[in-house]
């Protein structure tokens, strides 16, 4: 029977070779930026309709822009946590704003 020799495990507290810490950035800031951006973009038609006629759809263009920025930040190693936080905040913001919109529509009728 042949014996297999494996290297000893690394000492406790030392990083394992080849491991990563998940990237840089701040998840909390990303969450705040994503959530705030999604809510502002979702309700921008209401806010813009008070100031001008016909330009209410322009604010909705912020949603795809926010999503693209979040994806770009999530792909880059140095801003990965911020990008992931923005994606999570974006998802929560869109769901929360859609729920709020449905509530207001049902309450209006």
N, C-alpha and C. Protein backbone atom coordinates (compact mmCIF):
# COMPACT_ATOMS: atom_id res chain seq x y z
N UNK A 1 0.84 -1.17 0.00
CA UNK A 1 0.00 0.00 0.00
C UNK A 1 0.89 1.24 0.00
N UNK A 2 0.59 2.21 -0.87
CA UNK A 2 1.44 3.40 -0.92
C UNK A 2 0.91 4.45 0.05
N UNK A 3 1.83 5.15 0.63
CA UNK A 3 1.46 6.20 1.58
C UNK A 3 1.41 7.54 0.84
N UNK A 4 0.42 8.33 1.19
CA UNK A 4 0.31 9.66 0.63
C UNK A 4 0.80 10.65 1.67
N UNK A 5 1.66 11.53 1.25
CA UNK A 5 2.18 12.54 2.15
C UNK A 5 1.58 13.89 1.76
N UNK A 6 0.87 14.47 2.69
CA UNK A 6 0.27 15.76 2.46
C UNK A 6 1.00 16.79 3.31
N UNK A 7 1.05 18.03 2.86
CA UNK A 7 1.71 19.07 3.67
C UNK A 7 0.90 19.32 4.95
N UNK A 8 1.57 19.75 5.99
CA UNK A 8 0.85 20.02 7.24
C UNK A 8 -0.08 21.22 7.07
N UNK A 9 -1.13 21.31 7.86
CA UNK A 9 -2.03 22.47 7.75
C UNK A 9 -1.31 23.74 8.19
N UNK A 10 -1.72 24.89 7.65
CA UNK A 10 -1.07 26.15 8.04
C UNK A 10 -1.39 26.48 9.49
N UNK A 11 -0.50 27.23 10.15
CA UNK A 11 -0.77 27.63 11.53
C UNK A 11 -2.02 28.51 11.61
N UNK A 12 -2.67 28.46 12.74
CA UNK A 12 -3.89 29.23 12.96
C UNK A 12 -3.55 30.72 12.95
N UNK A 13 -4.36 31.49 12.27
CA UNK A 13 -4.18 32.94 12.24
C UNK A 13 -3.41 33.44 11.03
N UNK A 14 -2.72 32.58 10.32
CA UNK A 14 -1.99 33.00 9.14
C UNK A 14 -2.86 32.78 7.90
N UNK A 15 -2.80 33.71 6.94
CA UNK A 15 -3.62 33.54 5.73
C UNK A 15 -3.14 32.34 4.91
N UNK A 16 -4.08 31.66 4.31
CA UNK A 16 -3.76 30.53 3.45
C UNK A 16 -3.32 31.06 2.10
N UNK A 17 -2.31 30.47 1.51
CA UNK A 17 -1.82 30.92 0.22
C UNK A 17 -2.91 30.77 -0.84
N UNK A 18 -3.10 31.83 -1.62
CA UNK A 18 -4.10 31.78 -2.68
C UNK A 18 -5.48 32.24 -2.23
N UNK A 19 -5.68 32.49 -0.94
CA UNK A 19 -7.00 32.93 -0.50
C UNK A 19 -7.11 34.43 -0.66
N UNK A 20 -8.35 34.89 -0.81
CA UNK A 20 -8.59 36.33 -0.94
C UNK A 20 -9.53 36.75 0.17
N UNK A 21 -9.53 38.03 0.43
CA UNK A 21 -10.41 38.56 1.47
C UNK A 21 -11.76 39.00 0.93
N UNK A 22 -12.03 38.77 -0.34
CA UNK A 22 -13.33 39.13 -0.91
C UNK A 22 -13.33 40.46 -1.63
N UNK A 23 -12.23 41.19 -1.61
CA UNK A 23 -12.15 42.46 -2.33
C UNK A 23 -12.21 43.63 -1.39
N UNK A 24 -12.16 44.81 -1.98
CA UNK A 24 -12.13 46.03 -1.19
C UNK A 24 -13.46 46.75 -1.23
N UNK A 25 -13.47 47.89 -0.58
CA UNK A 25 -14.68 48.70 -0.54
C UNK A 25 -15.48 48.45 0.72
N UNK A 26 -16.60 49.12 0.82
CA UNK A 26 -17.45 49.03 1.99
C UNK A 26 -18.85 48.55 1.58
N UNK A 27 -19.25 47.44 2.14
CA UNK A 27 -20.58 46.90 1.84
C UNK A 27 -21.67 47.87 2.31
N UNK A 28 -21.47 48.46 3.47
CA UNK A 28 -22.47 49.39 4.03
C UNK A 28 -22.71 50.60 3.15
N UNK A 29 -21.61 51.22 2.66
CA UNK A 29 -21.77 52.36 1.78
C UNK A 29 -22.45 51.96 0.48
N UNK A 30 -22.08 50.81 -0.04
CA UNK A 30 -22.73 50.33 -1.26
C UNK A 30 -24.21 50.10 -1.06
N UNK A 31 -24.58 49.53 0.09
CA UNK A 31 -25.99 49.29 0.40
C UNK A 31 -26.76 50.60 0.46
N UNK A 32 -26.20 51.59 1.11
CA UNK A 32 -26.86 52.91 1.22
C UNK A 32 -26.98 53.55 -0.16
N UNK A 33 -25.90 53.51 -0.94
CA UNK A 33 -25.95 54.11 -2.28
C UNK A 33 -26.95 53.40 -3.19
N UNK A 34 -26.95 52.08 -3.17
CA UNK A 34 -27.87 51.33 -4.02
C UNK A 34 -29.32 51.53 -3.62
N UNK A 35 -29.60 51.47 -2.32
CA UNK A 35 -30.97 51.64 -1.84
C UNK A 35 -31.46 53.06 -2.10
N UNK A 36 -30.63 54.03 -1.76
CA UNK A 36 -31.02 55.43 -1.98
C UNK A 36 -31.20 55.75 -3.46
N UNK A 37 -30.29 55.27 -4.28
CA UNK A 37 -30.39 55.53 -5.72
C UNK A 37 -31.62 54.90 -6.34
N UNK A 38 -31.94 53.67 -5.92
CA UNK A 38 -33.11 52.99 -6.48
C UNK A 38 -34.40 53.68 -6.06
N UNK A 39 -34.47 54.11 -4.83
CA UNK A 39 -35.69 54.78 -4.35
C UNK A 39 -35.85 56.15 -5.02
N UNK A 40 -34.76 56.90 -5.10
CA UNK A 40 -34.84 58.22 -5.76
C UNK A 40 -35.20 58.06 -7.24
N UNK A 41 -34.57 57.10 -7.91
CA UNK A 41 -34.88 56.90 -9.33
C UNK A 41 -36.31 56.42 -9.52
N UNK A 42 -36.81 55.59 -8.63
CA UNK A 42 -38.18 55.07 -8.78
C UNK A 42 -39.22 56.16 -8.57
N UNK A 43 -38.96 57.07 -7.64
CA UNK A 43 -39.93 58.11 -7.36
C UNK A 43 -39.64 59.43 -8.07
N UNK A 44 -38.62 59.45 -8.92
CA UNK A 44 -38.29 60.68 -9.63
C UNK A 44 -39.40 61.15 -10.57
N UNK A 45 -40.17 60.25 -11.22
CA UNK A 45 -41.27 60.78 -12.05
C UNK A 45 -42.27 61.59 -11.23
N UNK A 46 -42.52 61.18 -10.00
CA UNK A 46 -43.44 61.94 -9.15
C UNK A 46 -42.84 63.28 -8.80
N UNK A 47 -41.55 63.26 -8.44
CA UNK A 47 -40.89 64.51 -8.05
C UNK A 47 -40.74 65.47 -9.24
N UNK A 48 -40.37 64.93 -10.40
CA UNK A 48 -40.16 65.79 -11.56
C UNK A 48 -41.47 66.31 -12.14
N UNK A 49 -42.58 65.60 -11.93
CA UNK A 49 -43.86 66.06 -12.48
C UNK A 49 -44.33 67.34 -11.80
N UNK A 50 -43.83 67.63 -10.64
CA UNK A 50 -44.20 68.87 -9.94
C UNK A 50 -43.53 70.08 -10.57
N UNK A 51 -42.39 69.88 -11.23
CA UNK A 51 -41.62 71.00 -11.75
C UNK A 51 -41.78 71.24 -13.24
N UNK A 52 -42.00 70.18 -14.01
CA UNK A 52 -42.11 70.37 -15.46
C UNK A 52 -43.01 69.31 -16.06
N UNK A 53 -43.51 69.61 -17.23
CA UNK A 53 -44.38 68.69 -17.94
C UNK A 53 -43.57 67.88 -18.95
N UNK A 54 -43.81 66.58 -19.04
CA UNK A 54 -43.21 65.76 -20.07
C UNK A 54 -41.82 65.22 -19.79
N UNK A 55 -41.18 65.63 -18.72
CA UNK A 55 -39.82 65.15 -18.45
C UNK A 55 -39.79 64.15 -17.30
N UNK A 56 -40.90 63.52 -17.04
CA UNK A 56 -40.96 62.62 -15.88
C UNK A 56 -40.26 61.29 -16.11
N UNK A 57 -40.10 60.88 -17.35
CA UNK A 57 -39.48 59.58 -17.64
C UNK A 57 -37.96 59.66 -17.52
N UNK A 58 -37.39 60.85 -17.62
CA UNK A 58 -35.95 61.01 -17.58
C UNK A 58 -35.32 60.46 -16.31
N UNK A 59 -36.01 60.55 -15.21
CA UNK A 59 -35.48 60.04 -13.95
C UNK A 59 -35.36 58.53 -13.93
N UNK A 60 -36.21 57.86 -14.70
CA UNK A 60 -36.14 56.39 -14.74
C UNK A 60 -34.90 55.88 -15.45
N UNK A 61 -34.24 56.74 -16.22
CA UNK A 61 -33.00 56.34 -16.86
C UNK A 61 -31.88 56.14 -15.83
N UNK A 62 -32.10 56.65 -14.64
CA UNK A 62 -31.12 56.48 -13.57
C UNK A 62 -31.05 55.02 -13.10
N UNK A 63 -32.15 54.28 -13.21
CA UNK A 63 -32.15 52.87 -12.76
C UNK A 63 -31.16 52.00 -13.54
N UNK A 64 -31.19 51.98 -14.88
CA UNK A 64 -30.19 51.17 -15.58
C UNK A 64 -28.76 51.67 -15.37
N UNK A 65 -28.60 52.99 -15.25
CA UNK A 65 -27.27 53.54 -15.00
C UNK A 65 -26.74 53.07 -13.65
N UNK A 66 -27.59 53.08 -12.64
CA UNK A 66 -27.21 52.60 -11.31
C UNK A 66 -26.84 51.12 -11.35
N UNK A 67 -27.58 50.34 -12.09
CA UNK A 67 -27.29 48.91 -12.20
C UNK A 67 -25.95 48.67 -12.89
N UNK A 68 -25.66 49.41 -13.95
CA UNK A 68 -24.38 49.26 -14.66
C UNK A 68 -23.21 49.65 -13.75
N UNK A 69 -23.35 50.74 -13.02
CA UNK A 69 -22.28 51.17 -12.10
C UNK A 69 -22.06 50.11 -11.02
N UNK A 70 -23.12 49.55 -10.48
CA UNK A 70 -22.99 48.53 -9.45
C UNK A 70 -22.29 47.28 -9.98
N UNK A 71 -22.61 46.88 -11.20
CA UNK A 71 -21.97 45.70 -11.80
C UNK A 71 -20.48 45.97 -12.04
N UNK A 72 -20.16 47.15 -12.55
CA UNK A 72 -18.75 47.49 -12.79
C UNK A 72 -17.97 47.50 -11.48
N UNK A 73 -18.55 48.06 -10.43
CA UNK A 73 -17.86 48.08 -9.13
C UNK A 73 -17.72 46.67 -8.55
N UNK A 74 -18.70 45.82 -8.77
CA UNK A 74 -18.64 44.45 -8.24
C UNK A 74 -17.61 43.61 -8.96
N UNK A 75 -17.33 43.91 -10.21
CA UNK A 75 -16.36 43.13 -10.99
C UNK A 75 -14.93 43.49 -10.60
N UNK A 76 -14.68 44.74 -10.30
CA UNK A 76 -13.33 45.18 -9.95
C UNK A 76 -12.99 44.74 -8.52
N UNK A 77 -11.82 44.17 -8.34
CA UNK A 77 -11.41 43.64 -7.03
C UNK A 77 -11.34 44.74 -5.97
N UNK A 78 -10.87 45.91 -6.33
CA UNK A 78 -10.67 46.96 -5.34
C UNK A 78 -11.98 47.57 -4.83
N UNK A 79 -13.08 47.36 -5.54
CA UNK A 79 -14.37 47.93 -5.11
C UNK A 79 -15.46 46.86 -5.04
N UNK A 80 -15.07 45.62 -4.90
CA UNK A 80 -16.03 44.51 -4.97
C UNK A 80 -17.11 44.61 -3.90
N UNK A 81 -16.76 44.87 -2.66
CA UNK A 81 -17.77 44.93 -1.60
C UNK A 81 -18.75 46.08 -1.82
N UNK A 82 -18.26 47.21 -2.27
CA UNK A 82 -19.15 48.33 -2.54
C UNK A 82 -20.13 47.98 -3.66
N UNK A 83 -19.64 47.33 -4.70
CA UNK A 83 -20.51 46.93 -5.81
C UNK A 83 -21.56 45.92 -5.39
N UNK A 84 -21.16 44.94 -4.58
CA UNK A 84 -22.12 43.95 -4.10
C UNK A 84 -23.16 44.62 -3.21
N UNK A 85 -22.72 45.55 -2.37
CA UNK A 85 -23.66 46.29 -1.53
C UNK A 85 -24.64 47.10 -2.36
N UNK A 86 -24.14 47.70 -3.44
CA UNK A 86 -25.03 48.45 -4.32
C UNK A 86 -26.04 47.55 -5.01
N UNK A 87 -25.61 46.35 -5.42
CA UNK A 87 -26.55 45.41 -6.06
C UNK A 87 -27.63 44.97 -5.07
N UNK A 88 -27.24 44.69 -3.85
CA UNK A 88 -28.22 44.30 -2.83
C UNK A 88 -29.16 45.47 -2.54
N UNK A 89 -28.59 46.66 -2.36
CA UNK A 89 -29.41 47.84 -2.11
C UNK A 89 -30.34 48.16 -3.27
N UNK A 90 -29.85 47.98 -4.49
CA UNK A 90 -30.67 48.20 -5.68
C UNK A 90 -31.87 47.25 -5.68
N UNK A 91 -31.62 45.97 -5.40
CA UNK A 91 -32.72 44.99 -5.38
C UNK A 91 -33.74 45.32 -4.30
N UNK A 92 -33.27 45.63 -3.11
CA UNK A 92 -34.18 45.97 -2.02
C UNK A 92 -34.94 47.26 -2.34
N UNK A 93 -34.26 48.23 -2.91
CA UNK A 93 -34.90 49.51 -3.25
C UNK A 93 -35.98 49.36 -4.30
N UNK A 94 -35.72 48.55 -5.31
CA UNK A 94 -36.73 48.35 -6.37
C UNK A 94 -37.95 47.63 -5.81
N UNK A 95 -37.73 46.61 -4.99
CA UNK A 95 -38.86 45.88 -4.39
C UNK A 95 -39.65 46.79 -3.45
N UNK A 96 -38.95 47.57 -2.63
CA UNK A 96 -39.64 48.47 -1.69
C UNK A 96 -40.41 49.55 -2.42
N UNK A 97 -39.82 50.13 -3.47
CA UNK A 97 -40.55 51.17 -4.20
C UNK A 97 -41.72 50.62 -4.97
N UNK A 98 -41.59 49.41 -5.51
CA UNK A 98 -42.73 48.80 -6.21
C UNK A 98 -43.87 48.52 -5.23
N UNK A 99 -43.53 48.03 -4.07
CA UNK A 99 -44.56 47.78 -3.05
C UNK A 99 -45.24 49.06 -2.60
N UNK A 100 -44.46 50.12 -2.43
CA UNK A 100 -45.03 51.42 -2.03
C UNK A 100 -45.93 51.97 -3.13
N UNK A 101 -45.52 51.81 -4.37
CA UNK A 101 -46.32 52.30 -5.49
C UNK A 101 -47.65 51.55 -5.57
N UNK A 102 -47.62 50.24 -5.40
CA UNK A 102 -48.85 49.46 -5.43
C UNK A 102 -49.77 49.86 -4.28
N UNK A 103 -49.19 50.11 -3.12
CA UNK A 103 -49.99 50.54 -1.97
C UNK A 103 -50.69 51.86 -2.27
N UNK A 104 -49.94 52.83 -2.84
CA UNK A 104 -50.54 54.13 -3.15
C UNK A 104 -51.61 54.01 -4.20
N UNK A 105 -51.41 53.16 -5.21
CA UNK A 105 -52.42 52.99 -6.26
C UNK A 105 -53.69 52.36 -5.68
N UNK A 106 -53.56 51.39 -4.80
CA UNK A 106 -54.73 50.76 -4.20
C UNK A 106 -55.44 51.70 -3.25
N UNK A 107 -54.70 52.56 -2.58
CA UNK A 107 -55.31 53.49 -1.64
C UNK A 107 -56.04 54.62 -2.39
N UNK A 108 -55.58 54.94 -3.59
CA UNK A 108 -56.17 56.04 -4.36
C UNK A 108 -57.55 55.69 -4.90
N UNK A 109 -57.84 54.40 -5.09
CA UNK A 109 -59.13 54.00 -5.67
C UNK A 109 -60.01 53.33 -4.68
